[in-house]
Protein backbone atom coordinates (compact mmCIF):
# COMPACT_ATOMS: atom_id res chain seq x y z
CA MET A 1 0.00 0.00 0.00
CA GLY A 2 1.22 3.49 -0.75
CA LYS A 3 2.90 5.61 1.89
CA THR A 4 1.21 8.59 3.47
CA THR A 5 2.58 11.36 5.62
CA VAL A 6 2.32 10.66 9.33
CA GLY A 7 -0.89 12.19 10.70
CA GLN A 8 -2.12 13.14 7.24
CA GLY A 9 -4.52 10.25 6.74
CA ASN A 10 -5.10 8.26 3.59
CA THR A 11 -8.79 8.70 2.79
CA GLU A 12 -8.19 10.50 -0.53
CA TRP A 13 -5.74 7.79 -1.57
CA ILE A 14 -8.30 5.08 -0.77
CA LEU A 15 -10.94 6.86 -2.85
CA GLN A 16 -8.52 6.93 -5.77
CA GLN A 17 -7.71 3.24 -5.41
CA ILE A 18 -11.40 2.32 -5.38
CA THR A 19 -12.58 4.54 -8.23
CA THR A 20 -9.61 4.63 -10.61
CA ASN A 21 -7.75 1.38 -9.99
CA TYR A 22 -10.71 -0.88 -9.24
CA LEU A 23 -14.13 0.27 -10.43
CA ARG A 24 -12.92 1.50 -13.81
CA LYS A 25 -11.23 -1.83 -14.60
CA SER A 26 -13.89 -4.16 -15.94
CA ASP A 27 -11.47 -7.08 -16.28
CA LEU A 28 -10.89 -7.31 -12.50
CA HIS A 29 -13.25 -10.02 -11.24
CA TYR A 30 -12.02 -9.71 -7.70
CA ALA A 31 -13.21 -7.98 -4.56
CA ILE A 32 -11.44 -5.20 -2.73
CA ALA A 33 -11.10 -5.13 1.06
CA ILE A 34 -10.91 -2.28 3.55
CA GLU A 35 -9.53 -2.81 7.05
CA GLY A 36 -9.65 -0.28 9.84
CA GLU A 37 -9.80 -0.08 13.60
CA TRP A 38 -13.17 -0.36 15.30
CA GLY A 39 -14.83 3.05 15.39
CA SER A 40 -12.44 4.62 12.88
CA GLY A 41 -15.35 5.61 10.60
CA LYS A 42 -15.10 3.08 7.76
CA THR A 43 -18.86 2.74 7.34
CA ARG A 44 -19.49 6.47 7.55
CA PHE A 45 -16.73 7.08 5.00
CA LEU A 46 -18.14 4.60 2.49
CA LYS A 47 -21.72 5.79 2.88
CA THR A 48 -20.85 9.47 2.39
CA LYS A 49 -17.49 10.18 0.78
CA LEU A 50 -17.50 7.21 -1.60
CA GLU A 51 -20.97 8.05 -2.95
CA GLU A 52 -19.88 11.65 -3.47
CA GLU A 53 -16.77 10.45 -5.29
CA LEU A 54 -18.76 8.15 -7.59
CA ASN A 55 -20.97 11.07 -8.61
CA LYS A 56 -18.01 13.39 -9.07
CA GLU A 57 -16.10 10.88 -11.21
CA GLY A 58 -19.17 10.04 -13.29
CA ILE A 59 -19.12 6.37 -12.29
CA GLY A 60 -22.64 5.07 -12.84
CA LEU A 61 -22.77 2.58 -10.01
CA LYS A 62 -25.39 2.59 -7.27
CA ILE A 63 -24.17 1.50 -3.86
CA VAL A 64 -25.92 -1.49 -2.30
CA TYR A 65 -24.89 -1.53 1.36
CA VAL A 66 -25.33 -4.76 3.33
CA SER A 67 -24.24 -5.45 6.91
CA LEU A 68 -23.20 -9.02 7.70
CA PHE A 69 -23.87 -8.49 11.40
CA GLY A 70 -25.33 -11.76 12.74
CA ILE A 71 -25.58 -13.32 9.28
CA SER A 72 -26.00 -17.11 9.17
CA ASP A 73 -25.54 -18.36 5.60
CA SER A 74 -25.78 -17.56 1.89
CA ASN A 75 -29.58 -17.49 1.91
CA ASP A 76 -29.45 -14.83 4.60
CA LEU A 77 -27.03 -12.85 2.42
CA TYR A 78 -29.28 -12.97 -0.65
CA ARG A 79 -32.27 -11.84 1.40
CA ARG A 80 -30.35 -8.88 2.77
CA ILE A 81 -29.11 -7.87 -0.68
CA MET A 82 -32.63 -8.01 -2.08
CA ALA A 83 -33.97 -5.96 0.83
CA ALA A 84 -31.22 -3.36 0.33
CA MET A 85 -32.06 -3.04 -3.38
CA LEU A 86 -35.80 -2.54 -2.95
CA PRO A 87 -36.75 1.12 -2.33
CA LEU A 88 -39.03 0.52 0.62
CA SER A 89 -38.73 3.99 2.12
CA ASP A 90 -41.93 5.58 0.79
CA PRO A 91 -42.68 8.87 2.65
CA ASN A 92 -46.38 8.01 2.47
CA GLY A 93 -45.79 4.66 4.13
CA ASN A 94 -46.97 2.61 1.12
CA LYS A 95 -43.97 0.28 1.28
CA ILE A 96 -45.60 -2.80 -0.24
CA GLY A 97 -47.04 -0.85 -3.16
CA ARG A 98 -43.70 0.89 -3.78
CA ALA A 99 -41.83 -2.42 -3.76
CA PHE A 100 -44.44 -4.02 -6.02
CA GLN A 101 -44.14 -1.21 -8.57
CA TYR A 102 -40.37 -1.39 -8.48
CA ILE A 103 -40.35 -5.16 -9.08
CA LEU A 104 -42.74 -4.75 -12.02
CA LYS A 105 -40.48 -2.07 -13.46
CA LEU A 106 -37.46 -4.35 -13.21
CA MET A 107 -39.42 -7.22 -14.76
CA ARG A 108 -40.52 -5.07 -17.72
CA ARG A 109 -36.96 -3.89 -18.25
CA ALA A 110 -35.64 -7.44 -18.17
CA ALA A 111 -38.38 -8.64 -20.53
CA SER A 112 -37.53 -5.91 -23.03
CA GLU A 113 -33.95 -7.19 -23.08
CA GLY A 114 -35.03 -10.67 -24.10
CA LEU A 115 -35.56 -12.51 -20.79
CA ALA A 116 -38.45 -14.96 -21.00
CA PHE A 117 -40.08 -14.17 -17.69
CA PHE A 118 -43.08 -16.33 -18.49
CA ARG A 119 -40.77 -19.33 -18.18
CA ILE A 120 -39.21 -18.16 -14.95
CA PHE A 121 -42.55 -17.19 -13.45
CA PRO A 122 -45.11 -19.56 -15.02
CA LYS A 123 -47.92 -18.21 -12.87
CA VAL A 124 -48.72 -15.04 -10.98
CA ASN A 125 -46.62 -15.37 -7.85
CA PHE A 126 -44.98 -12.40 -6.20
CA SER A 127 -42.93 -14.47 -3.80
CA ILE A 128 -39.61 -13.87 -5.52
CA ASP A 129 -36.57 -15.98 -4.77
CA PRO A 130 -33.87 -13.68 -3.27
CA GLU A 131 -31.00 -15.53 -4.97
CA LEU A 132 -32.67 -15.30 -8.37
CA PHE A 133 -33.51 -11.63 -7.82
CA THR A 134 -29.92 -10.89 -6.81
CA SER A 135 -28.49 -12.79 -9.78
CA LEU A 136 -30.73 -10.95 -12.22
CA PHE A 137 -30.44 -7.38 -11.03
CA LEU A 138 -27.38 -6.88 -8.80
CA PRO A 139 -24.75 -7.13 -11.60
CA ARG A 140 -26.43 -4.24 -13.41
CA LYS A 141 -24.69 -1.05 -12.34
CA HIS A 142 -24.39 -1.79 -8.64
CA LEU A 143 -21.48 -1.65 -6.22
CA LEU A 144 -21.92 -4.13 -3.37
CA ILE A 145 -20.52 -3.18 0.03
CA LEU A 146 -20.41 -6.02 2.57
CA ASP A 147 -19.74 -4.44 5.94
CA ASP A 148 -19.18 -5.97 9.40
CA THR A 149 -17.79 -9.18 7.95
CA GLU A 150 -16.14 -9.97 11.29
CA ARG A 151 -19.46 -9.68 13.14
CA ARG A 152 -21.37 -12.44 11.39
CA SER A 153 -22.98 -15.12 13.54
CA ALA A 154 -20.63 -17.29 15.56
CA ASN A 155 -22.41 -20.28 13.99
CA CYS A 156 -22.32 -18.88 10.46
CA ASP A 157 -21.95 -21.37 7.61
CA ASP A 158 -18.73 -19.79 6.34
CA LEU A 159 -18.39 -22.18 3.40
CA SER A 160 -21.88 -21.33 2.16
CA LEU A 161 -21.28 -17.61 2.63
CA PHE A 162 -17.96 -17.66 0.83
CA GLY A 163 -19.50 -19.62 -2.06
CA ALA A 164 -22.20 -16.98 -2.49
CA VAL A 165 -19.78 -14.05 -2.39
CA ASN A 166 -17.38 -15.84 -4.70
CA ASP A 167 -20.18 -16.48 -7.21
CA LEU A 168 -21.26 -12.85 -7.17
CA VAL A 169 -17.72 -11.54 -7.62
CA GLU A 170 -16.04 -14.02 -9.95
CA ASN A 171 -18.93 -15.42 -11.97
CA LYS A 172 -21.34 -12.50 -12.12
CA GLY A 173 -18.74 -9.73 -12.07
CA VAL A 174 -20.28 -7.72 -9.22
CA LYS A 175 -17.90 -5.04 -8.00
CA THR A 176 -17.65 -5.75 -4.27
CA ILE A 177 -16.02 -4.06 -1.27
CA LEU A 178 -15.61 -6.11 1.91
CA VAL A 179 -15.18 -4.15 5.14
CA SER A 180 -13.80 -5.43 8.43
CA ASN A 181 -11.80 -4.44 11.47
CA SER A 182 -9.38 -7.16 10.43
CA PHE A 183 -9.35 -9.94 7.84
CA SER A 184 -6.85 -11.90 9.90
CA PRO A 185 -8.83 -15.02 10.87
CA LYS A 186 -7.26 -15.24 14.33
CA CYS A 187 -8.59 -11.77 15.10
CA ALA A 188 -12.11 -12.34 13.86
CA GLU A 189 -14.88 -11.01 16.06
CA THR A 190 -18.10 -12.56 17.21
CA ASP A 191 -21.47 -10.89 16.79
CA GLU A 192 -21.42 -8.75 19.93
CA ALA A 193 -23.35 -5.49 19.77
CA ASP A 194 -21.19 -3.20 21.87
CA GLY A 195 -17.64 -2.99 20.67
CA PRO A 196 -15.20 -5.57 19.40
CA LYS A 197 -14.79 -8.90 21.09
CA LYS A 198 -11.95 -11.04 19.82
CA SER A 199 -12.03 -14.77 19.36
CA THR A 200 -9.17 -17.23 19.06
CA ASP A 201 -11.12 -19.37 16.59
CA VAL A 202 -9.86 -19.51 13.02
CA ARG A 203 -12.77 -18.31 10.88
CA GLY A 204 -12.76 -19.90 7.44
CA PHE A 205 -14.54 -17.05 5.66
CA ASP A 206 -11.85 -14.50 6.59
CA SER A 207 -8.94 -16.59 5.33
CA GLU A 208 -10.78 -17.71 2.17
CA VAL A 209 -11.77 -14.17 1.27
CA ARG A 210 -8.33 -12.70 1.93
CA GLU A 211 -6.42 -15.40 0.04
CA LYS A 212 -8.71 -16.23 -2.88
CA LEU A 213 -11.09 -13.36 -3.55
CA VAL A 214 -9.50 -10.05 -2.54
CA TRP A 215 -7.47 -8.18 -5.13
CA ARG A 216 -6.14 -5.56 -2.71
CA CYS A 217 -6.59 -4.88 0.99
CA LEU A 218 -6.52 -1.19 1.89
CA ARG A 219 -5.84 -0.05 5.44
CA PHE A 220 -8.20 2.77 6.44
CA LYS A 221 -6.37 5.46 8.43
CA PRO A 222 -8.16 8.81 8.49
CA SER A 223 -6.47 11.84 9.98
CA LEU A 224 -7.98 13.58 12.99
CA GLU A 225 -8.73 16.57 10.78
CA ASP A 226 -10.58 14.31 8.30
CA ILE A 227 -12.67 12.92 11.15
CA ALA A 228 -13.39 16.33 12.63
CA LYS A 229 -14.41 17.80 9.27
CA SER A 230 -16.67 14.84 8.49
CA VAL A 231 -18.54 15.21 11.80
CA PHE A 232 -18.44 19.01 12.18
CA ALA A 233 -19.05 20.09 8.61
CA ASP A 234 -20.62 23.48 9.35
CA PRO A 235 -18.42 26.05 7.57
CA ALA A 236 -19.68 28.77 9.93
CA ASP A 237 -17.51 27.28 12.64
CA GLY A 238 -14.39 28.06 10.64
CA GLN A 239 -11.05 26.31 10.49
CA ASP A 240 -10.04 27.57 13.93
CA ARG A 241 -12.89 25.55 15.44
CA ILE A 242 -11.71 22.44 13.59
CA ASP A 243 -8.19 23.08 14.88
CA ILE A 244 -9.47 23.29 18.46
CA ILE A 245 -11.33 19.97 18.08
CA VAL A 246 -8.30 18.30 16.51
CA GLN A 247 -6.02 19.46 19.33
CA ALA A 248 -8.55 18.22 21.89
CA ALA A 249 -8.64 14.82 20.15
CA ARG A 250 -4.85 14.65 20.34
CA MET A 251 -4.99 15.43 24.07
CA ALA A 252 -7.50 12.59 24.53
CA ASN A 253 -5.63 10.31 22.10
CA CYS A 254 -8.97 9.79 20.35
CA GLY A 255 -9.39 8.75 16.72
CA ASN A 256 -12.72 7.06 17.28
CA VAL A 257 -15.54 8.50 15.16
CA ARG A 258 -18.18 7.13 17.52
CA ALA A 259 -16.75 9.25 20.34
CA PHE A 260 -16.89 12.34 18.11
CA LEU A 261 -20.51 11.61 17.20
CA LYS A 262 -21.56 10.93 20.81
CA SER A 263 -20.00 14.19 21.97
CA LYS A 264 -21.11 16.25 18.95
CA SER A 265 -24.06 17.92 20.68
CA PHE A 266 -21.93 18.95 23.65
CA ILE A 267 -19.07 20.23 21.49
CA GLU A 268 -21.36 22.30 19.25
CA ASP A 269 -23.14 23.84 22.26
CA LEU A 270 -19.81 24.57 23.95
CA LEU A 271 -18.41 26.28 20.85
CA ALA A 272 -21.61 28.31 20.60
CA ALA A 273 -21.21 29.39 24.24
CA ASP A 274 -17.66 30.54 23.50
CA LYS A 275 -18.79 32.38 20.36
CA ASN A 276 -21.31 34.35 22.44
CA TYR A 277 -18.88 34.96 25.31
CA LEU A 278 -18.64 38.66 26.26
CA GLY A 279 -16.09 38.46 29.08
CA ASP A 280 -12.45 39.49 29.05
CA ALA A 281 -10.72 36.09 29.31
CA ALA A 282 -7.75 35.92 26.98
CA ARG A 283 -8.42 34.31 23.60
CA LYS A 284 -5.46 31.95 24.07
CA ASN A 285 -6.85 30.84 27.41
CA ARG A 286 -10.31 30.34 25.95
CA GLN A 287 -8.84 28.09 23.29
CA SER A 288 -7.00 26.10 25.94
CA ALA A 289 -10.18 25.79 28.00
CA LEU A 290 -12.17 24.62 24.96
CA GLN A 291 -9.55 22.03 24.08
CA GLU A 292 -9.49 20.77 27.64
CA LEU A 293 -13.28 20.50 27.96
CA ILE A 294 -13.67 18.84 24.56
CA SER A 295 -10.91 16.35 25.43
CA PHE A 296 -12.80 15.51 28.64
CA ALA A 297 -15.98 14.91 26.61
CA LEU A 298 -14.15 12.58 24.21
CA LEU A 299 -12.65 10.68 27.15
CA ILE A 300 -16.11 10.22 28.64
CA CYS A 301 -17.34 8.73 25.34
CA LEU A 302 -14.30 6.44 25.24
CA GLY A 303 -15.01 5.23 28.78
CA LYS A 304 -11.80 6.86 30.07
CA LYS A 305 -13.00 9.89 31.99
CA PRO A 306 -10.65 11.27 34.69
CA VAL A 307 -11.15 9.73 38.12
CA LYS A 308 -10.01 10.83 41.55
CA PRO A 309 -6.61 9.21 42.14
CA GLU A 310 -5.96 7.13 45.20
CA LYS A 311 -3.27 8.61 47.38
CA PRO A 312 -0.26 6.25 47.24
CA ASP A 313 2.44 5.94 49.87
CA TYR A 314 5.11 7.94 48.08
CA ALA A 315 8.53 8.19 49.62
CA SER A 316 9.43 11.73 50.57
CA ASP A 317 12.17 11.78 47.93
CA ASP A 318 9.97 10.43 45.09
CA ILE A 319 9.67 13.82 43.41
CA PRO A 320 8.34 12.47 40.03
CA GLY A 321 5.67 10.44 41.84
CA ILE A 322 4.58 13.46 43.87
CA PHE A 323 4.29 15.60 40.72
CA ARG A 324 2.26 12.89 38.96
CA LEU A 325 -0.17 12.74 41.86
CA GLN A 326 -0.51 16.53 41.89
CA ASN A 327 -1.22 16.59 38.15
CA GLN A 328 -3.80 13.81 38.46
CA ASN A 329 -5.54 15.61 41.30
CA GLU A 330 -5.64 18.91 39.40
CA ARG A 331 -6.91 17.17 36.26
CA TYR A 332 -9.72 15.51 38.20
CA ALA A 333 -10.55 18.82 39.92
CA ARG A 334 -10.85 20.56 36.55
CA PHE A 335 -13.02 17.75 35.15
CA SER A 336 -15.34 17.53 38.16
CA SER A 337 -15.76 21.32 38.35
CA PHE A 338 -17.69 21.38 35.07
CA GLY A 339 -21.16 20.26 36.07
CA CYS A 340 -22.68 20.12 32.58
CA PHE A 341 -20.96 16.85 31.66
CA ASN A 342 -23.63 14.85 33.47
CA ASP A 343 -26.38 16.72 31.60
CA TYR A 344 -24.98 15.55 28.27
CA PHE A 345 -23.50 12.16 29.06
CA GLY A 346 -25.15 10.96 32.29
CA ASP A 347 -28.63 9.97 33.42
CA SER A 348 -30.52 13.24 33.33
CA ASN A 349 -33.50 15.00 31.81
CA GLY A 350 -31.31 16.32 29.02
CA PRO A 351 -28.81 19.13 28.51
CA SER A 352 -29.62 22.61 29.72
CA LEU A 353 -28.57 25.10 27.07
CA THR A 354 -29.05 27.98 29.50
CA GLN A 355 -26.76 26.40 32.08
CA LEU A 356 -23.87 25.61 29.73
CA PRO A 357 -22.77 29.24 29.08
CA GLU A 358 -22.83 29.92 32.84
CA GLU A 359 -20.74 26.79 33.51
CA TYR A 360 -18.30 27.82 30.79
CA ILE A 361 -17.86 31.31 32.26
CA SER A 362 -17.38 29.81 35.71
CA TYR A 363 -14.76 27.42 34.34
CA LEU A 364 -12.85 30.27 32.69
CA GLU A 365 -12.92 32.39 35.84
CA ARG A 366 -11.65 29.55 37.98
CA TRP A 367 -8.98 27.98 35.75
CA TYR A 368 -8.20 30.62 33.08
CA PRO A 369 -8.78 34.03 34.71
CA GLN A 370 -6.17 36.01 32.76
CA ASN A 371 -7.10 38.58 30.11
CA ASP A 372 -5.20 39.45 26.93
CA ASP A 373 -3.30 42.32 28.58
CA THR A 374 -2.03 40.05 31.36
CA ILE A 375 -0.99 37.39 28.85
CA ASN A 376 0.86 39.95 26.68
CA MET A 377 2.65 41.39 29.70
CA SER A 378 3.66 37.91 30.88
CA GLU A 379 5.01 37.01 27.43
CA LEU A 380 6.96 40.27 27.25
CA THR A 381 8.45 39.66 30.71
CA ASN A 382 9.49 36.15 29.73
CA LYS A 383 11.25 37.46 26.64
């Protein structure tokens, strides 16, 4: 895989590999795989950025997204593909009628191209076989994305599933992207709902796919700026807001998109409170306070919020240990002094938008009381 600059991310490179080096090559009857850490935003990336790229590049493929979460066998796969292809989201709620009309439209199109449907359907019967439906209509201008491959059922018939995917890719020429945290069979996950859970079992589907069906495996590594821009896309916030969020993510060592999404409401309300701030706290200090508070929010969503440290029995000459304890205590004091965290992330009646600006002002006055004049004088003295 090509090299990328450290911290830069490789999302644009992955888009190029998919569109130019895979989708535009009709002779490649192989799948392409994307690996990435749990929560890194693979699914969000494919559902948003990839579709935008297909439209921009003029590639006439419609994405058919299918999750393999809890899947059992090939029949289950065909049913999910068929369900994903049928436009059942009618705003008027007439789902059955919409699906019926769509099927008739596909049947008329197929009949006009020479398919003898009266032989396939000798009598009026609208119970359509999912495998037949998939074989007839999926190869026509569709890109199949099979996500959560590592989260299929623990009792999944891997041989059956691989046979179905292999048939779609090699025999029917369906362009296919397989997505997983890892295609290493010894790292395959079971179908747990909350977060990854590793298994020591060797899963046949993973090894078969990686060795026999995948043309290239691309490692998904978005930059923190890519993640921040994808979640906080409002241009009114400006680049300085994105920079604050990115710095906060670095402080929290967080590259997990789920944490960004869970804390999005809090972060947007906090930035709005700062935008409307009329006090005299120094701009530099306000930026530091925002970064600190946002990093706390990300840590909460990662399950790593600061906790009150237990006082160890340090020797009187253990200066590094004493400093570490002091820093931990101050960090917990800062975290616990901001009462709005529980409104957004705890068991409550919901966030209070009127309370957040007051909490923010109180936080500035307690931990960042200096104004711009004081900061400038301090910097001049230091020089």
